[in-house]
Amino acid sequence: MIDFQLTLQSDRVLLRPMKAEDLNTFKALTTEQSLWIYFTSDLSVERELEAWVDSALRQMEEKSRLALTIVDKATNRVAGSTSFGNISSRDRRVEIGWTWLGKSFQGQGLASQSKHLMLSYCFETLEFVRVECKTDVLNLAARHALAGIGMIEEGVLRSHTLMTHGRRRDTVFYSILRPEWPAVKAQNRWS
């Protein structure tokens, strides 16, 4: 079972449980509207960001999602957020998602370091069988990144999710299975 007090870290990134106080820091990171084109909420709108954080904290209390704050250890600054969600201990399956980084933290390897820590925890500590991710079929950068770390594209669910401004997204699913993890781990630099 996922530890909801979990902290994961490498030499570059620290992942710790989100707390209400992170909201103020998130406000400074989420102001650029273009960051939220493929996200299910427009976090550049303060009330949407507040609702998103409130939802994450409530889901943590319910033990249905572990929202993590990403800290860049090089600067000791909050860089964004990611989560474990859709947790099924019975099926030994979890989704990694809800991931975003502030613009100034993008392209520095923080996202891949975070994914590495989370995947290692899932497969090596929890001995889960499946880790999945999903994204907007139009989000080519995310799709390329997921495939680039060895996730297998599984298919598209049409008109799956309501996005900001009333658009319905087609959602593409990716996964890594436990027997695939050693090869995926070995092939990546995670930086």
C-alpha atoms as a PDB file:
ATOM      1  CA  MET A   1       0.000   0.000   0.000  1.00  0.00           C
ATOM      2  CA  ILE A   2       1.190   3.503  -0.790  1.00  0.00           C
ATOM      3  CA  ASP A   3       2.588   5.394   2.185  1.00  0.00           C
ATOM      4  CA  PHE A   4       0.746   8.734   2.284  1.00  0.00           C
ATOM      5  CA  GLN A   5       3.621  10.286   4.284  1.00  0.00           C
ATOM      6  CA  LEU A   6       6.066   9.240   1.570  1.00  0.00           C
ATOM      7  CA  THR A   7       9.102  11.327   0.683  1.00  0.00           C
ATOM      8  CA  LEU A   8      11.244  10.338  -2.298  1.00  0.00           C
ATOM      9  CA  GLN A   9      14.480  11.983  -3.346  1.00  0.00           C
ATOM     10  CA  SER A  10      17.470  11.812  -5.613  1.00  0.00           C
ATOM     11  CA  ASP A  11      20.452  14.128  -5.756  1.00  0.00           C
ATOM     12  CA  ARG A  12      18.368  16.489  -7.923  1.00  0.00           C
ATOM     13  CA  VAL A  13      14.729  16.286  -6.828  1.00  0.00           C
ATOM     14  CA  LEU A  14      12.680  15.921  -3.656  1.00  0.00           C
ATOM     15  CA  LEU A  15       9.086  14.678  -3.759  1.00  0.00           C
ATOM     16  CA  ARG A  16       7.099  15.280  -0.579  1.00  0.00           C
ATOM     17  CA  PRO A  17       3.382  15.219   0.234  1.00  0.00           C
ATOM     18  CA  MET A  18       1.581  18.365  -0.847  1.00  0.00           C
ATOM     19  CA  LYS A  19       0.417  20.644   1.939  1.00  0.00           C
ATOM     20  CA  ALA A  20      -2.013  23.561   2.000  1.00  0.00           C
ATOM     21  CA  GLU A  21       0.853  26.056   2.353  1.00  0.00           C
ATOM     22  CA  ASP A  22       2.118  25.060  -1.113  1.00  0.00           C
ATOM     23  CA  LEU A  23      -0.786  26.966  -2.655  1.00  0.00           C
ATOM     24  CA  ASN A  24       0.957  30.344  -2.363  1.00  0.00           C
ATOM     25  CA  THR A  25       4.094  29.038  -4.052  1.00  0.00           C
ATOM     26  CA  PHE A  26       2.025  27.334  -6.745  1.00  0.00           C
ATOM     27  CA  LYS A  27       0.310  30.664  -7.523  1.00  0.00           C
ATOM     28  CA  ALA A  28       3.617  32.145  -8.664  1.00  0.00           C
ATOM     29  CA  LEU A  29       4.386  29.078 -10.834  1.00  0.00           C
ATOM     30  CA  THR A  30       1.036  28.731 -12.586  1.00  0.00           C
ATOM     31  CA  THR A  31       0.318  32.189 -14.001  1.00  0.00           C
ATOM     32  CA  GLU A  32       1.142  31.383 -17.629  1.00  0.00           C
ATOM     33  CA  GLN A  33      -2.038  30.291 -19.442  1.00  0.00           C
ATOM     34  CA  SER A  34      -0.176  28.346 -22.136  1.00  0.00           C
ATOM     35  CA  LEU A  35       0.947  25.770 -19.555  1.00  0.00           C
ATOM     36  CA  TRP A  36      -2.611  24.488 -19.149  1.00  0.00           C
ATOM     37  CA  ILE A  37      -3.679  23.750 -22.728  1.00  0.00           C
ATOM     38  CA  TYR A  38      -3.490  19.987 -22.128  1.00  0.00           C
ATOM     39  CA  PHE A  39      -4.347  20.010 -18.412  1.00  0.00           C
ATOM     40  CA  THR A  40      -7.851  19.356 -17.111  1.00  0.00           C
ATOM     41  CA  SER A  41      -7.871  22.639 -15.170  1.00  0.00           C
ATOM     42  CA  ASP A  42      -6.539  26.077 -16.051  1.00  0.00           C
ATOM     43  CA  LEU A  43      -4.327  26.587 -13.022  1.00  0.00           C
ATOM     44  CA  SER A  44      -3.501  30.124 -14.162  1.00  0.00           C
ATOM     45  CA  VAL A  45      -6.971  31.024 -12.862  1.00  0.00           C
ATOM     46  CA  GLU A  46      -6.547  31.432  -9.116  1.00  0.00           C
ATOM     47  CA  ARG A  47      -9.912  29.903  -8.125  1.00  0.00           C
ATOM     48  CA  GLU A  48      -9.205  26.850 -10.330  1.00  0.00           C
ATOM     49  CA  LEU A  49      -5.785  26.437  -8.736  1.00  0.00           C
ATOM     50  CA  GLU A  50      -7.347  26.709  -5.271  1.00  0.00           C
ATOM     51  CA  ALA A  51     -10.002  24.112  -6.192  1.00  0.00           C
ATOM     52  CA  TRP A  52      -7.311  21.829  -7.670  1.00  0.00           C
ATOM     53  CA  VAL A  53      -5.178  21.998  -4.489  1.00  0.00           C
ATOM     54  CA  ASP A  54      -8.262  21.530  -2.269  1.00  0.00           C
ATOM     55  CA  SER A  55      -9.257  18.476  -4.299  1.00  0.00           C
ATOM     56  CA  ALA A  56      -5.738  17.026  -4.064  1.00  0.00           C
ATOM     57  CA  LEU A  57      -5.639  17.506  -0.293  1.00  0.00           C
ATOM     58  CA  ARG A  58      -9.107  15.983   0.131  1.00  0.00           C
ATOM     59  CA  GLN A  59      -8.129  12.978  -2.005  1.00  0.00           C
ATOM     60  CA  MET A  60      -5.026  12.549   0.157  1.00  0.00           C
ATOM     61  CA  GLU A  61      -7.236  12.406   3.260  1.00  0.00           C
ATOM     62  CA  GLU A  62      -9.428   9.834   1.497  1.00  0.00           C
ATOM     63  CA  LYS A  63      -6.287   7.878   0.524  1.00  0.00           C
ATOM     64  CA  SER A  64      -7.333   7.864  -3.139  1.00  0.00           C
ATOM     65  CA  ARG A  65      -4.505  10.071  -4.433  1.00  0.00           C
ATOM     66  CA  LEU A  66      -1.093  11.026  -3.105  1.00  0.00           C
ATOM     67  CA  ALA A  67      -0.297  14.513  -4.403  1.00  0.00           C
ATOM     68  CA  LEU A  68       3.397  15.311  -4.209  1.00  0.00           C
ATOM     69  CA  THR A  69       5.165  18.647  -4.364  1.00  0.00           C
ATOM     70  CA  ILE A  70       8.278  18.644  -6.544  1.00  0.00           C
ATOM     71  CA  VAL A  71      11.232  20.509  -5.039  1.00  0.00           C
ATOM     72  CA  ASP A  72      14.316  21.345  -7.117  1.00  0.00           C
ATOM     73  CA  LYS A  73      17.135  20.466  -4.714  1.00  0.00           C
ATOM     74  CA  ALA A  74      19.648  22.587  -6.675  1.00  0.00           C
ATOM     75  CA  THR A  75      17.730  25.744  -5.737  1.00  0.00           C
ATOM     76  CA  ASN A  76      15.629  24.398  -2.833  1.00  0.00           C
ATOM     77  CA  ARG A  77      12.569  25.849  -4.587  1.00  0.00           C
ATOM     78  CA  VAL A  78       9.174  24.308  -5.240  1.00  0.00           C
ATOM     79  CA  ALA A  79       9.037  23.480  -8.954  1.00  0.00           C
ATOM     80  CA  GLY A  80       5.624  21.853  -9.449  1.00  0.00           C
ATOM     81  CA  SER A  81       3.563  18.817  -8.570  1.00  0.00           C
ATOM     82  CA  THR A  82       2.891  15.204  -9.492  1.00  0.00           C
ATOM     83  CA  SER A  83       0.711  12.451  -8.048  1.00  0.00           C
ATOM     84  CA  PHE A  84      -0.005   8.801  -7.534  1.00  0.00           C
ATOM     85  CA  GLY A  85      -3.702   8.255  -8.212  1.00  0.00           C
ATOM     86  CA  ASN A  86      -6.293   5.701  -9.251  1.00  0.00           C
ATOM     87  CA  ILE A  87      -4.623   3.458  -6.702  1.00  0.00           C
ATOM     88  CA  SER A  88      -5.683  -0.179  -6.711  1.00  0.00           C
ATOM     89  CA  SER A  89      -3.758  -2.155  -4.112  1.00  0.00           C
ATOM     90  CA  ARG A  90      -5.851  -5.231  -4.904  1.00  0.00           C
ATOM     91  CA  ASP A  91      -4.787  -5.102  -8.550  1.00  0.00           C
ATOM     92  CA  ARG A  92      -1.290  -3.848  -7.642  1.00  0.00           C
ATOM     93  CA  ARG A  93      -1.780  -0.977 -10.077  1.00  0.00           C
ATOM     94  CA  VAL A  94      -1.391   2.817  -9.898  1.00  0.00           C
ATOM     95  CA  GLU A  95      -1.424   5.828 -12.169  1.00  0.00           C
ATOM     96  CA  ILE A  96       1.286   8.480 -12.176  1.00  0.00           C
ATOM     97  CA  GLY A  97      -0.043  11.797 -13.366  1.00  0.00           C
ATOM     98  CA  TRP A  98      -1.381  15.263 -12.550  1.00  0.00           C
ATOM     99  CA  THR A  99       2.202  16.345 -13.306  1.00  0.00           C
ATOM    100  CA  TRP A 100       3.223  19.914 -14.021  1.00  0.00           C
ATOM    101  CA  LEU A 101       6.283  22.104 -13.628  1.00  0.00           C
ATOM    102  CA  GLY A 102       6.556  25.877 -13.577  1.00  0.00           C
ATOM    103  CA  LYS A 103       7.951  27.239 -16.844  1.00  0.00           C
ATOM    104  CA  SER A 104      11.348  28.160 -15.347  1.00  0.00           C
ATOM    105  CA  PHE A 105      11.817  24.552 -14.154  1.00  0.00           C
ATOM    106  CA  GLN A 106      10.985  22.820 -17.430  1.00  0.00           C
ATOM    107  CA  GLY A 107      13.688  21.123 -19.502  1.00  0.00           C
ATOM    108  CA  GLN A 108      15.985  20.505 -16.534  1.00  0.00           C
ATOM    109  CA  GLY A 109      15.272  16.811 -15.990  1.00  0.00           C
ATOM    110  CA  LEU A 110      13.045  17.282 -12.939  1.00  0.00           C
ATOM    111  CA  ALA A 111      10.087  15.493 -14.537  1.00  0.00           C
ATOM    112  CA  SER A 112      12.110  12.455 -15.577  1.00  0.00           C
ATOM    113  CA  GLN A 113      13.856  12.306 -12.176  1.00  0.00           C
ATOM    114  CA  SER A 114      10.424  12.418 -10.530  1.00  0.00           C
ATOM    115  CA  LYS A 115       9.091   9.640 -12.772  1.00  0.00           C
ATOM    116  CA  HIS A 116      12.167   7.509 -12.015  1.00  0.00           C
ATOM    117  CA  LEU A 117      11.688   7.882  -8.257  1.00  0.00           C
ATOM    118  CA  MET A 118       7.992   7.095  -8.514  1.00  0.00           C
ATOM    119  CA  LEU A 119       8.429   4.105 -10.832  1.00  0.00           C
ATOM    120  CA  SER A 120      11.199   2.692  -8.632  1.00  0.00           C
ATOM    121  CA  TYR A 121       8.970   3.018  -5.577  1.00  0.00           C
ATOM    122  CA  CYS A 122       6.051   1.324  -7.351  1.00  0.00           C
ATOM    123  CA  PHE A 123       7.975  -1.613  -8.766  1.00  0.00           C
ATOM    124  CA  GLU A 124      10.774  -2.119  -6.251  1.00  0.00           C
ATOM    125  CA  THR A 125       9.144  -1.196  -2.930  1.00  0.00           C
ATOM    126  CA  LEU A 126       5.449  -1.850  -3.477  1.00  0.00           C
ATOM    127  CA  GLU A 127       6.032  -4.637  -6.019  1.00  0.00           C
ATOM    128  CA  PHE A 128       3.149  -3.330  -8.114  1.00  0.00           C
ATOM    129  CA  VAL A 129       2.439  -5.088 -11.407  1.00  0.00           C
ATOM    130  CA  ARG A 130       1.371  -2.096 -13.498  1.00  0.00           C
ATOM    131  CA  VAL A 131       2.036   1.639 -13.581  1.00  0.00           C
ATOM    132  CA  GLU A 132       0.019   3.693 -16.015  1.00  0.00           C
ATOM    133  CA  CYS A 133      -0.012   7.227 -17.324  1.00  0.00           C
ATOM    134  CA  LYS A 134      -2.433   9.033 -19.558  1.00  0.00           C
ATOM    135  CA  THR A 135      -2.407  12.262 -21.516  1.00  0.00           C
ATOM    136  CA  ASP A 136      -4.226  14.260 -24.132  1.00  0.00           C
ATOM    137  CA  VAL A 137      -3.783  12.685 -27.557  1.00  0.00           C
ATOM    138  CA  LEU A 138      -2.879  16.187 -28.808  1.00  0.00           C
ATOM    139  CA  ASN A 139      -0.069  16.605 -26.256  1.00  0.00           C
ATOM    140  CA  LEU A 140       2.760  15.428 -28.472  1.00  0.00           C
ATOM    141  CA  ALA A 141       5.489  16.552 -26.047  1.00  0.00           C
ATOM    142  CA  ALA A 142       4.055  14.438 -23.209  1.00  0.00           C
ATOM    143  CA  ARG A 143       3.464  11.489 -25.518  1.00  0.00           C
ATOM    144  CA  HIS A 144       7.052  11.661 -26.761  1.00  0.00           C
ATOM    145  CA  ALA A 145       8.369  11.901 -23.175  1.00  0.00           C
ATOM    146  CA  LEU A 146       6.310   8.906 -21.991  1.00  0.00           C
ATOM    147  CA  ALA A 147       7.384   6.777 -24.953  1.00  0.00           C
ATOM    148  CA  GLY A 148      10.944   8.024 -24.476  1.00  0.00           C
ATOM    149  CA  ILE A 149      11.186   6.531 -20.991  1.00  0.00           C
ATOM    150  CA  GLY A 150       9.876   3.202 -22.237  1.00  0.00           C
ATOM    151  CA  MET A 151       6.163   3.408 -21.542  1.00  0.00           C
ATOM    152  CA  ILE A 152       4.076   1.416 -23.993  1.00  0.00           C
ATOM    153  CA  GLU A 153       1.202   3.180 -25.742  1.00  0.00           C
ATOM    154  CA  GLU A 154      -1.927   1.107 -25.233  1.00  0.00           C
ATOM    155  CA  GLY A 155      -4.728   2.946 -26.947  1.00  0.00           C
ATOM    156  CA  VAL A 156      -7.025   5.931 -27.086  1.00  0.00           C
ATOM    157  CA  LEU A 157     -10.305   6.501 -25.252  1.00  0.00           C
ATOM    158  CA  ARG A 158     -12.354   8.833 -27.423  1.00  0.00           C
ATOM    159  CA  SER A 159     -14.071  11.886 -25.931  1.00  0.00           C
ATOM    160  CA  HIS A 160     -12.812  10.714 -22.538  1.00  0.00           C
ATOM    161  CA  THR A 161     -12.267  13.881 -20.510  1.00  0.00           C
ATOM    162  CA  LEU A 162     -13.715  17.378 -20.336  1.00  0.00           C
ATOM    163  CA  MET A 163     -10.974  19.973 -20.656  1.00  0.00           C
ATOM    164  CA  THR A 164     -10.905  23.688 -20.002  1.00  0.00           C
ATOM    165  CA  HIS A 165     -13.060  25.845 -22.271  1.00  0.00           C
ATOM    166  CA  GLY A 166     -15.442  22.932 -22.953  1.00  0.00           C
ATOM    167  CA  ARG A 167     -13.144  20.895 -25.208  1.00  0.00           C
ATOM    168  CA  ARG A 168     -13.431  17.102 -24.904  1.00  0.00           C
ATOM    169  CA  ARG A 169     -10.134  15.289 -25.112  1.00  0.00           C
ATOM    170  CA  ASP A 170      -9.267  11.927 -26.512  1.00  0.00           C
ATOM    171  CA  THR A 171      -7.050  10.310 -23.869  1.00  0.00           C
ATOM    172  CA  VAL A 172      -4.107   8.073 -24.745  1.00  0.00           C
ATOM    173  CA  PHE A 173      -2.976   5.508 -22.149  1.00  0.00           C
ATOM    174  CA  TYR A 174       0.582   4.277 -21.529  1.00  0.00           C
ATOM    175  CA  SER A 175       1.948   1.693 -19.115  1.00  0.00           C
ATOM    176  CA  ILE A 176       4.956  -0.182 -17.841  1.00  0.00           C
ATOM    177  CA  LEU A 177       4.525  -3.686 -16.455  1.00  0.00           C
ATOM    178  CA  ARG A 178       6.694  -5.100 -13.700  1.00  0.00           C
ATOM    179  CA  PRO A 179       8.611  -7.554 -15.941  1.00  0.00           C
ATOM    180  CA  GLU A 180       9.487  -4.594 -18.221  1.00  0.00           C
ATOM    181  CA  TRP A 181      10.828  -2.392 -15.424  1.00  0.00           C
ATOM    182  CA  PRO A 182      14.448  -3.688 -15.278  1.00  0.00           C
ATOM    183  CA  ALA A 183      14.990  -2.966 -18.990  1.00  0.00           C
ATOM    184  CA  VAL A 184      13.221   0.408 -18.768  1.00  0.00           C
ATOM    185  CA  LYS A 185      15.313   1.368 -15.743  1.00  0.00           C
ATOM    186  CA  ALA A 186      18.550   0.324 -17.448  1.00  0.00           C
ATOM    187  CA  GLN A 187      17.867   2.131 -20.721  1.00  0.00           C
ATOM    188  CA  ASN A 188      17.221   5.555 -19.166  1.00  0.00           C
ATOM    189  CA  ARG A 189      19.571   8.204 -17.868  1.00  0.00           C
ATOM    190  CA  TRP A 190      16.754   9.761 -15.795  1.00  0.00           C
ATOM    191  CA  SER A 191      18.119  13.268 -16.048  1.00  0.00           C
END
